[in-house]
Amino acid sequence: MANHPGDIGSFATYLVGGAVRDDLLGIADSDRDWVVVGATPQAMLDAGFTPVGKDFPVFLHPATKEEYALARTERKSGTGYKGFTVFATPDVTLEEDLQRRDLTINAIARDADGNLVDPWGGVSDLKNRILRHVSPAFSEDPLRVLRVARFAARFADQGFTIAGETRTLMQNMSASGELEHLVPERVWREFDKALHSDHAQVFIEVLHECGALAILLPEVDRLFGVPQPPQWHPEVDTGVHTLMSLRQSCLLSDDLAVRFATLMHDVGKGLTARDDWPQHIAHEHKGIQPIADACQRLRVPTECADLARLGSQYHTHCHQMQVLKPATVLKTLEGLDAFRRPQRLQKFLKVCEADARGRTGLEERPYPQAELLWQCFVAADEIDVPTLLQHKPVAPGPEAGEKIRNMLHQARLGRIRDTLGRLRSDS
């Protein structure tokens, strides 16, 4: 065995997974992963590779830093995505390694001469735009339900659909209780990746249809079948509206917090008593606690959780900007902490616009309310406290701070009142 860095001698090395798939789809710049057949961990170390895998033998190439994994098989030995015993011995074949993968389109390899190795029909499924599981072993890893949903969202533009037998398998897996054993951080990682795709709503739709959303994010799942007033929501169904709004947020912003907040903005409607349908009085405040519960359960990043809570609480205020009282406008800006976090306000406005456009037949309608609220903020934010004190000094003392805050509040309120009067008359 040669000891040159990166030289693994006569062992067969194959490019596998997403790099092969994306190359066949004409997608560039995918991360490259490799499988080594016939090698041992010691042989990889002798060749200068660095071990990084905790659960199975994965190594970094000494020069390229790309991942090289020993060919392996897995056997179910417990619950959840970690409930596996891994076998990575030199006699594991490439076909056996590919068989343990999730989808046929991810189970294609390419050898050193550029030849494809496709024992499970991945090339055919790529051509026919089908997401199909490789083998019954798919059901042993519950995380794969989320992965398939994520691939459906990622490749929605290319017309991919999920094979009927794979949908059935995903439904059975959701009903089995296995998804309840998933680690929250892994679940959120899949949500994070999916929400970054151009068609994130497909991810949520697939999870709902297979029963997984009811387990992972019941706050959103319970919205499906809940009606809304048709004069405001021609699509009627709150779940459908949520999917439509999420689609609009993907068109308006690539920010994760915006997309997550849009997904969660109407969860309060899931708590409305059936007798009160299709009205949803105070759904804005009803949504705050379930959003907090979901964010804690999934370990959602603070920025996403905060924007989701504020999006629920204040989105109807933004919709009502043409008639909202100046004091309520200022209260909304203060509630959003806009004067310290103007970027948060900008993201909030995207959430509101996505909500307004996420309705059948209204996808292209203007949303002047966002600009109106922004102009009120700009006018109020121009108030400079030192200049304010030059015109009306405040004597030092224990009550000085409160007096200054009141002066600032009143000055901002005046600016907002003037702005609303001017802009509303212009429109």
Protein backbone atom coordinates (compact mmCIF):
# COMPACT_ATOMS: atom_id res chain seq x y z
CA MET A 1 0.00 0.00 0.00
CA ALA A 2 1.46 3.34 -1.05
CA ASN A 3 1.64 6.06 1.57
CA HIS A 4 1.22 9.07 -0.71
CA PRO A 5 -1.54 11.37 0.60
CA GLY A 6 -4.82 10.56 -1.08
CA ASP A 7 -3.51 7.39 -2.73
CA ILE A 8 -5.70 4.43 -1.77
CA GLY A 9 -3.99 2.06 -4.10
CA SER A 10 -6.01 -0.56 -5.92
CA PHE A 11 -9.23 -0.03 -4.01
CA ALA A 12 -12.17 0.91 -6.23
CA THR A 13 -13.46 4.43 -5.68
CA TYR A 14 -16.82 5.69 -6.93
CA LEU A 15 -18.53 9.07 -7.05
CA VAL A 16 -22.00 8.55 -5.56
CA GLY A 17 -25.26 10.16 -4.54
CA GLY A 18 -26.24 13.74 -5.15
CA ALA A 19 -23.22 14.66 -7.27
CA VAL A 20 -24.05 11.99 -9.85
CA ARG A 21 -27.78 12.74 -9.72
CA ASP A 22 -27.33 16.50 -10.15
CA ASP A 23 -24.81 16.07 -12.94
CA LEU A 24 -27.33 13.96 -14.86
CA LEU A 25 -29.94 16.67 -14.24
CA GLY A 26 -27.59 19.38 -15.46
CA ILE A 27 -27.19 20.92 -12.00
CA ALA A 28 -23.67 22.16 -11.30
CA ASP A 29 -21.61 22.70 -8.15
CA SER A 30 -23.00 19.86 -6.04
CA ASP A 31 -20.93 18.53 -3.15
CA ARG A 32 -19.09 15.39 -4.14
CA ASP A 33 -19.16 12.24 -2.02
CA TRP A 34 -17.21 9.08 -2.66
CA VAL A 35 -17.48 5.41 -1.74
CA VAL A 36 -14.44 3.19 -1.41
CA VAL A 37 -14.94 -0.55 -1.92
CA GLY A 38 -12.60 -3.13 -0.41
CA ALA A 39 -10.68 -0.84 1.94
CA THR A 40 -10.32 -0.84 5.72
CA PRO A 41 -10.16 2.11 8.12
CA GLN A 42 -6.45 1.47 8.60
CA ALA A 43 -5.84 1.57 4.85
CA MET A 44 -7.54 4.96 4.69
CA LEU A 45 -5.41 6.26 7.56
CA ASP A 46 -2.25 4.91 5.94
CA ALA A 47 -3.16 6.84 2.78
CA GLY A 48 -3.34 10.10 4.72
CA PHE A 49 -7.11 10.42 5.06
CA THR A 50 -8.59 12.02 8.18
CA PRO A 51 -11.43 10.18 9.99
CA VAL A 52 -14.57 12.23 10.67
CA GLY A 53 -17.41 9.70 10.96
CA LYS A 54 -18.70 8.87 14.43
CA ASP A 55 -21.37 6.33 13.47
CA PHE A 56 -19.63 4.81 10.45
CA PRO A 57 -16.22 5.11 8.70
CA VAL A 58 -16.06 8.40 6.79
CA PHE A 59 -12.80 10.13 5.91
CA LEU A 60 -11.70 13.46 4.45
CA HIS A 61 -9.36 13.44 1.47
CA PRO A 62 -6.03 15.02 2.49
CA ALA A 63 -6.02 17.42 -0.47
CA THR A 64 -9.60 18.02 -1.61
CA LYS A 65 -11.25 17.55 1.81
CA GLU A 66 -14.09 15.70 0.08
CA GLU A 67 -15.78 12.88 1.98
CA TYR A 68 -14.83 9.28 1.29
CA ALA A 69 -16.92 6.60 3.01
CA LEU A 70 -16.21 2.90 3.18
CA ALA A 71 -18.88 0.83 1.47
CA ARG A 72 -21.30 -0.26 4.15
CA THR A 73 -24.56 -1.97 4.94
CA GLU A 74 -26.94 -1.25 7.80
CA ARG A 75 -29.24 -3.36 9.95
CA LYS A 76 -32.12 -2.01 12.00
CA SER A 77 -31.37 -2.41 15.71
CA GLY A 78 -33.51 0.21 17.47
CA THR A 79 -35.84 3.17 16.98
CA GLY A 80 -35.26 6.46 15.22
CA TYR A 81 -32.71 7.36 12.60
CA LYS A 82 -29.82 6.25 14.85
CA GLY A 83 -31.26 2.80 15.50
CA PHE A 84 -28.88 1.01 13.14
CA THR A 85 -25.89 -1.30 13.31
CA VAL A 86 -23.38 -0.48 10.57
CA PHE A 87 -21.20 -3.01 8.80
CA ALA A 88 -18.29 -1.54 6.81
CA THR A 89 -16.13 -4.54 5.97
CA PRO A 90 -13.95 -4.96 2.86
CA ASP A 91 -16.35 -7.54 1.39
CA VAL A 92 -19.31 -5.11 1.18
CA THR A 93 -20.05 -4.54 -2.51
CA LEU A 94 -20.95 -1.29 -4.22
CA GLU A 95 -24.41 -2.67 -5.05
CA GLU A 96 -25.02 -3.46 -1.38
CA ASP A 97 -23.93 0.04 -0.40
CA LEU A 98 -26.24 1.64 -2.95
CA GLN A 99 -29.15 -0.55 -1.84
CA ARG A 100 -29.18 1.02 1.63
CA ARG A 101 -29.77 4.52 0.16
CA ASP A 102 -33.15 6.25 0.23
CA LEU A 103 -34.16 6.94 -3.39
CA THR A 104 -33.15 5.32 -6.64
CA ILE A 105 -32.03 8.68 -8.04
CA ASN A 106 -29.56 8.88 -5.12
CA ALA A 107 -28.33 5.31 -5.66
CA ILE A 108 -26.33 5.87 -8.84
CA ALA A 109 -22.52 5.68 -8.88
CA ARG A 110 -19.85 6.65 -11.39
CA ASP A 111 -16.52 4.86 -11.62
CA ALA A 112 -13.07 6.32 -12.37
CA ASP A 113 -13.65 5.92 -16.13
CA GLY A 114 -16.94 7.82 -16.06
CA ASN A 115 -19.14 4.74 -16.39
CA LEU A 116 -22.44 4.73 -14.48
CA VAL A 117 -23.28 1.96 -12.05
CA ASP A 118 -27.06 1.87 -11.68
CA PRO A 119 -28.30 -1.40 -10.15
CA TRP A 120 -31.60 0.04 -8.86
CA GLY A 121 -32.99 1.92 -11.86
CA GLY A 122 -32.10 5.44 -10.80
CA VAL A 123 -31.31 6.68 -14.31
CA SER A 124 -34.72 5.60 -15.57
CA ASP A 125 -36.45 7.29 -12.63
CA LEU A 126 -34.48 10.47 -13.32
CA LYS A 127 -35.68 10.48 -16.92
CA ASN A 128 -39.27 9.86 -15.83
CA ARG A 129 -39.03 12.37 -12.95
CA ILE A 130 -39.99 9.84 -10.25
CA LEU A 131 -38.95 9.78 -6.61
CA ARG A 132 -38.95 6.09 -5.71
CA HIS A 133 -37.52 4.26 -2.71
CA VAL A 134 -34.74 1.77 -3.41
CA SER A 135 -35.86 -1.12 -1.21
CA PRO A 136 -38.16 -2.00 1.71
CA ALA A 137 -35.25 -0.98 3.98
CA PHE A 138 -36.38 2.59 3.30
CA SER A 139 -38.95 2.18 6.07
CA GLU A 140 -36.27 1.54 8.67
CA ASP A 141 -35.22 5.21 8.77
CA PRO A 142 -38.11 7.60 9.62
CA LEU A 143 -36.05 10.64 8.64
CA ARG A 144 -36.43 9.52 5.04
CA VAL A 145 -40.07 10.62 5.07
CA LEU A 146 -38.84 14.20 5.48
CA ARG A 147 -36.07 13.72 2.94
CA VAL A 148 -38.47 12.57 0.24
CA ALA A 149 -40.75 15.52 0.99
CA ARG A 150 -37.73 17.82 0.74
CA PHE A 151 -36.64 16.34 -2.59
CA ALA A 152 -40.21 16.77 -3.87
CA ALA A 153 -39.94 20.46 -2.99
CA ARG A 154 -36.43 20.85 -4.36
CA PHE A 155 -37.24 19.27 -7.71
CA ALA A 156 -40.81 20.54 -8.08
CA ASP A 157 -39.74 22.83 -10.93
CA GLN A 158 -38.48 19.80 -12.85
CA GLY A 159 -41.77 17.94 -12.55
CA PHE A 160 -40.76 15.21 -10.11
CA THR A 161 -43.53 13.22 -8.44
CA ILE A 162 -43.45 10.61 -5.70
CA ALA A 163 -44.08 7.03 -6.78
CA GLY A 164 -47.37 5.61 -5.52
CA GLU A 165 -45.71 2.76 -3.64
CA THR A 166 -43.34 5.21 -1.98
CA ARG A 167 -46.26 7.41 -0.87
CA THR A 168 -47.92 4.36 0.64
CA LEU A 169 -44.73 3.44 2.45
CA MET A 170 -44.42 6.99 3.82
CA GLN A 171 -48.02 6.84 5.08
CA ASN A 172 -47.34 3.54 6.81
CA MET A 173 -44.18 4.91 8.38
CA SER A 174 -46.05 7.96 9.67
CA ALA A 175 -48.72 5.73 11.18
CA SER A 176 -46.15 3.44 12.82
CA GLY A 177 -45.05 5.97 15.46
CA GLU A 178 -41.42 5.88 14.32
CA LEU A 179 -41.38 9.61 13.50
CA GLU A 180 -41.96 10.40 17.16
CA HIS A 181 -38.46 9.11 17.91
CA LEU A 182 -36.72 11.60 15.62
CA VAL A 183 -34.32 14.02 17.29
CA PRO A 184 -35.71 17.60 17.12
CA GLU A 185 -32.48 19.01 15.71
CA ARG A 186 -32.58 16.58 12.79
CA VAL A 187 -36.22 17.39 12.08
CA TRP A 188 -35.50 21.11 12.07
CA ARG A 189 -32.50 20.58 9.79
CA GLU A 190 -34.82 19.05 7.20
CA PHE A 191 -37.32 21.90 7.65
CA ASP A 192 -34.49 24.41 7.29
CA LYS A 193 -33.28 22.87 4.03
CA ALA A 194 -36.81 22.51 2.66
CA LEU A 195 -37.81 26.06 3.53
CA HIS A 196 -34.84 27.29 1.52
CA SER A 197 -36.19 25.64 -1.65
CA ASP A 198 -38.15 27.61 -4.22
CA HIS A 199 -41.26 25.49 -3.64
CA ALA A 200 -41.16 25.02 0.12
CA GLN A 201 -44.95 24.60 0.17
CA VAL A 202 -44.54 21.23 -1.57
CA PHE A 203 -42.58 19.96 1.45
CA ILE A 204 -45.44 20.86 3.81
CA GLU A 205 -48.05 19.47 1.41
CA VAL A 206 -46.30 16.11 1.10
CA LEU A 207 -45.86 15.81 4.87
CA HIS A 208 -49.55 16.60 5.36
CA GLU A 209 -50.69 14.07 2.77
CA CYS A 210 -48.66 11.21 4.27
CA GLY A 211 -49.65 12.00 7.86
CA ALA A 212 -46.21 13.13 9.00
CA LEU A 213 -47.14 16.79 9.50
CA ALA A 214 -49.70 15.84 12.15
CA ILE A 215 -46.86 14.34 14.16
CA LEU A 216 -44.08 16.84 13.47
CA LEU A 217 -45.98 20.12 13.21
CA PRO A 218 -49.60 19.55 14.34
CA GLU A 219 -50.09 23.29 14.78
CA VAL A 220 -50.05 23.67 10.99
CA ASP A 221 -51.58 20.32 10.13
CA ARG A 222 -54.81 21.10 11.99
CA LEU A 223 -55.40 24.09 9.71
CA PHE A 224 -56.39 21.83 6.81
CA GLY A 225 -60.16 21.62 6.55
CA VAL A 226 -60.73 24.75 8.65
CA PRO A 227 -62.84 27.23 6.61
CA GLN A 228 -62.39 31.01 6.38
CA PRO A 229 -64.76 33.73 5.11
CA PRO A 230 -64.79 33.38 1.30
CA GLN A 231 -65.01 37.14 0.76
CA TRP A 232 -61.50 37.45 2.20
CA HIS A 233 -60.25 33.97 1.35
CA PRO A 234 -61.62 32.63 -1.96
CA GLU A 235 -59.63 29.44 -1.36
CA VAL A 236 -61.61 29.01 1.93
CA ASP A 237 -59.45 26.23 3.43
CA THR A 238 -56.93 27.64 5.93
CA GLY A 239 -54.41 24.89 5.19
CA VAL A 240 -54.56 25.65 1.47
CA HIS A 241 -54.15 29.35 2.27
CA THR A 242 -51.06 28.53 4.34
CA LEU A 243 -49.52 26.63 1.43
CA MET A 244 -50.34 29.47 -0.96
CA SER A 245 -48.87 32.05 1.42
CA LEU A 246 -45.70 30.01 1.83
CA ARG A 247 -45.36 29.86 -1.95
CA GLN A 248 -45.70 33.65 -2.09
CA SER A 249 -43.08 34.09 0.61
CA CYS A 250 -40.66 32.05 -1.50
CA LEU A 251 -41.25 34.48 -4.36
CA LEU A 252 -40.83 37.52 -2.11
CA SER A 253 -37.85 36.55 0.05
CA ASP A 254 -35.16 33.91 0.43
CA ASP A 255 -34.94 34.57 4.18
CA LEU A 256 -35.57 31.51 6.38
CA ALA A 257 -37.29 33.52 9.13
CA VAL A 258 -39.70 35.10 6.64
CA ARG A 259 -40.69 31.74 5.22
CA PHE A 260 -41.10 30.08 8.61
CA ALA A 261 -43.13 32.98 10.00
CA THR A 262 -45.38 32.82 6.93
CA LEU A 263 -45.89 29.12 7.50
CA MET A 264 -46.94 29.79 11.10
CA HIS A 265 -48.87 33.07 10.77
CA ASP A 266 -52.39 31.60 10.96
CA VAL A 267 -51.95 28.70 13.40
CA GLY A 268 -54.31 30.46 15.81
CA LYS A 269 -57.17 29.61 13.44
CA GLY A 270 -56.62 25.97 14.27
CA LEU A 271 -57.92 26.71 17.79
CA THR A 272 -61.19 28.31 16.72
CA ALA A 273 -64.24 26.42 17.97
CA ARG A 274 -66.09 24.70 15.14
CA ASP A 275 -69.30 26.53 16.02
CA ASP A 276 -67.55 29.86 15.31
CA TRP A 277 -66.38 28.94 11.80
CA PRO A 278 -65.67 30.53 9.39
CA GLN A 279 -64.86 33.53 11.63
CA HIS A 280 -61.62 33.47 13.61
CA ILE A 281 -61.84 36.16 16.24
CA ALA A 282 -58.53 36.92 18.03
CA HIS A 283 -56.71 34.23 16.07
CA GLU A 284 -53.68 36.53 16.07
CA HIS A 285 -53.21 36.18 19.83
CA LYS A 286 -54.41 32.59 19.95
CA GLY A 287 -51.50 31.67 17.70
CA ILE A 288 -48.80 32.93 20.05
CA GLN A 289 -48.76 29.93 22.41
CA PRO A 290 -48.87 27.17 19.78
CA ILE A 291 -46.06 28.93 17.92
CA ALA A 292 -44.02 28.98 21.13
CA ASP A 293 -44.77 25.28 21.69
CA ALA A 294 -43.74 24.33 18.16
CA CYS A 295 -40.55 26.39 18.26
CA GLN A 296 -39.51 24.89 21.59
CA ARG A 297 -40.27 21.37 20.43
CA LEU A 298 -38.31 21.70 17.17
CA ARG A 299 -35.49 23.82 18.61
CA VAL A 300 -36.27 26.58 16.11
CA PRO A 301 -33.66 29.39 15.97
CA THR A 302 -34.58 32.47 17.99
CA GLU A 303 -34.86 34.81 15.02
CA CYS A 304 -37.32 32.49 13.28
CA ALA A 305 -39.33 31.96 16.47
CA ASP A 306 -39.53 35.69 17.25
CA LEU A 307 -40.65 36.65 13.75
CA ALA A 308 -43.24 33.87 13.72
CA ARG A 309 -44.72 35.08 17.00
CA LEU A 310 -44.80 38.70 15.86
CA GLY A 311 -46.16 37.73 12.46
CA SER A 312 -49.11 36.04 14.11
CA GLN A 313 -49.70 38.83 16.59
CA TYR A 314 -49.53 41.83 14.24
CA HIS A 315 -50.19 40.72 10.64
CA THR A 316 -53.80 41.92 10.61
CA HIS A 317 -52.64 45.32 11.89
CA CYS A 318 -50.57 45.68 8.74
CA HIS A 319 -53.50 44.60 6.57
CA GLN A 320 -55.59 47.38 8.16
CA MET A 321 -53.08 50.18 7.64
CA GLN A 322 -55.53 52.23 5.55
CA VAL A 323 -57.79 52.66 8.60
CA LEU A 324 -55.56 51.96 11.60
CA LYS A 325 -55.35 54.65 14.27
CA PRO A 326 -51.97 56.40 14.63
CA ALA A 327 -51.65 55.16 18.21
CA THR A 328 -52.16 51.56 17.06
CA VAL A 329 -49.60 52.01 14.31
CA LEU A 330 -47.04 53.20 16.85
CA LYS A 331 -47.97 50.37 19.22
CA THR A 332 -47.39 47.91 16.39
CA LEU A 333 -43.98 49.39 15.57
CA GLU A 334 -43.00 49.30 19.23
CA GLY A 335 -44.26 45.73 19.55
CA LEU A 336 -42.07 44.75 16.63
CA ASP A 337 -39.14 46.58 18.24
CA ALA A 338 -38.79 48.27 14.85
CA PHE A 339 -36.83 51.28 16.06
CA ARG A 340 -34.02 49.03 17.25
CA ARG A 341 -34.49 46.30 14.64
CA PRO A 342 -35.60 47.86 11.34
CA GLN A 343 -34.54 44.73 9.45
CA ARG A 344 -37.05 42.76 11.48
CA LEU A 345 -39.77 45.18 10.36
CA GLN A 346 -38.76 44.63 6.72
CA LYS A 347 -39.06 40.88 7.16
CA PHE A 348 -42.40 41.26 8.94
CA LEU A 349 -43.72 43.25 5.98
CA LYS A 350 -42.75 40.39 3.65
CA VAL A 351 -44.71 37.97 5.84
CA CYS A 352 -47.78 40.20 5.67
CA GLU A 353 -47.50 40.60 1.91
CA ALA A 354 -47.17 36.83 1.45
CA ASP A 355 -50.30 36.37 3.57
CA ALA A 356 -52.23 38.94 1.53
CA ARG A 357 -51.22 37.37 -1.78
CA GLY A 358 -51.62 33.77 -0.68
CA ARG A 359 -55.26 33.71 -1.79
CA THR A 360 -56.93 32.33 -4.89
CA GLY A 361 -57.02 34.96 -7.62
CA LEU A 362 -55.20 37.57 -5.53
CA GLU A 363 -51.63 36.42 -6.05
CA GLU A 364 -50.66 39.48 -8.09
CA ARG A 365 -52.58 42.19 -6.25
CA PRO A 366 -50.69 45.22 -4.92
CA TYR A 367 -50.03 45.48 -1.20
CA PRO A 368 -49.66 49.21 -0.44
CA GLN A 369 -50.13 48.60 3.28
CA ALA A 370 -46.51 47.50 3.60
CA GLU A 371 -45.19 50.75 2.15
CA LEU A 372 -47.57 52.76 4.32
CA LEU A 373 -46.37 51.12 7.52
CA TRP A 374 -42.75 51.50 6.40
CA GLN A 375 -43.19 55.22 5.72
CA CYS A 376 -44.75 55.66 9.17
CA PHE A 377 -41.70 53.97 10.65
CA VAL A 378 -39.28 56.13 8.64
CA ALA A 379 -41.02 59.32 9.74
CA ALA A 380 -41.13 58.29 13.40
CA ASP A 381 -37.56 57.03 13.34
CA GLU A 382 -36.29 60.44 12.23
CA ILE A 383 -36.99 61.79 15.72
CA ASP A 384 -33.63 62.51 17.29
CA VAL A 385 -33.67 62.54 21.10
CA PRO A 386 -30.83 65.08 21.53
CA THR A 387 -32.58 67.49 19.13
CA LEU A 388 -35.85 66.85 20.94
CA LEU A 389 -34.24 67.81 24.25
CA GLN A 390 -32.79 71.00 22.76
CA HIS A 391 -36.29 72.22 22.06
CA LYS A 392 -37.70 70.99 25.34
CA PRO A 393 -35.05 70.30 28.00
CA VAL A 394 -35.77 67.87 30.80
CA ALA A 395 -34.36 68.56 34.24
CA PRO A 396 -32.21 65.78 35.73
CA GLY A 397 -33.92 63.63 38.33
CA PRO A 398 -35.49 60.26 38.99
CA GLU A 399 -38.37 60.99 36.62
CA ALA A 400 -36.22 62.30 33.76
CA GLY A 401 -36.07 58.99 31.91
CA GLU A 402 -39.83 58.53 31.95
CA LYS A 403 -40.39 62.10 30.77
CA ILE A 404 -37.99 61.64 27.86
CA ARG A 405 -39.70 58.40 26.84
CA ASN A 406 -43.09 60.12 26.91
CA MET A 407 -41.78 63.02 24.83
CA LEU A 408 -40.28 60.61 22.31
CA HIS A 409 -43.51 58.65 22.17
CA GLN A 410 -45.61 61.75 21.54
CA ALA A 411 -43.20 63.09 18.92
CA ARG A 412 -43.25 59.78 17.06
CA LEU A 413 -47.03 59.66 17.32
CA GLY A 414 -47.24 63.12 15.78
CA ARG A 415 -45.01 62.11 12.89
CA ILE A 416 -47.11 59.00 12.27
CA ARG A 417 -50.33 61.03 12.37
CA ASP A 418 -48.95 63.47 9.83
CA THR A 419 -47.68 60.69 7.58
CA LEU A 420 -50.97 58.82 7.62
CA GLY A 421 -52.88 61.99 6.85
CA ARG A 422 -50.64 62.79 3.90
CA LEU A 423 -50.32 59.32 2.38
CA ARG A 424 -53.91 58.29 2.89
CA SER A 425 -55.13 61.45 1.18
CA ASP A 426 -52.72 60.83 -1.69
CA SER A 427 -54.18 57.38 -2.27
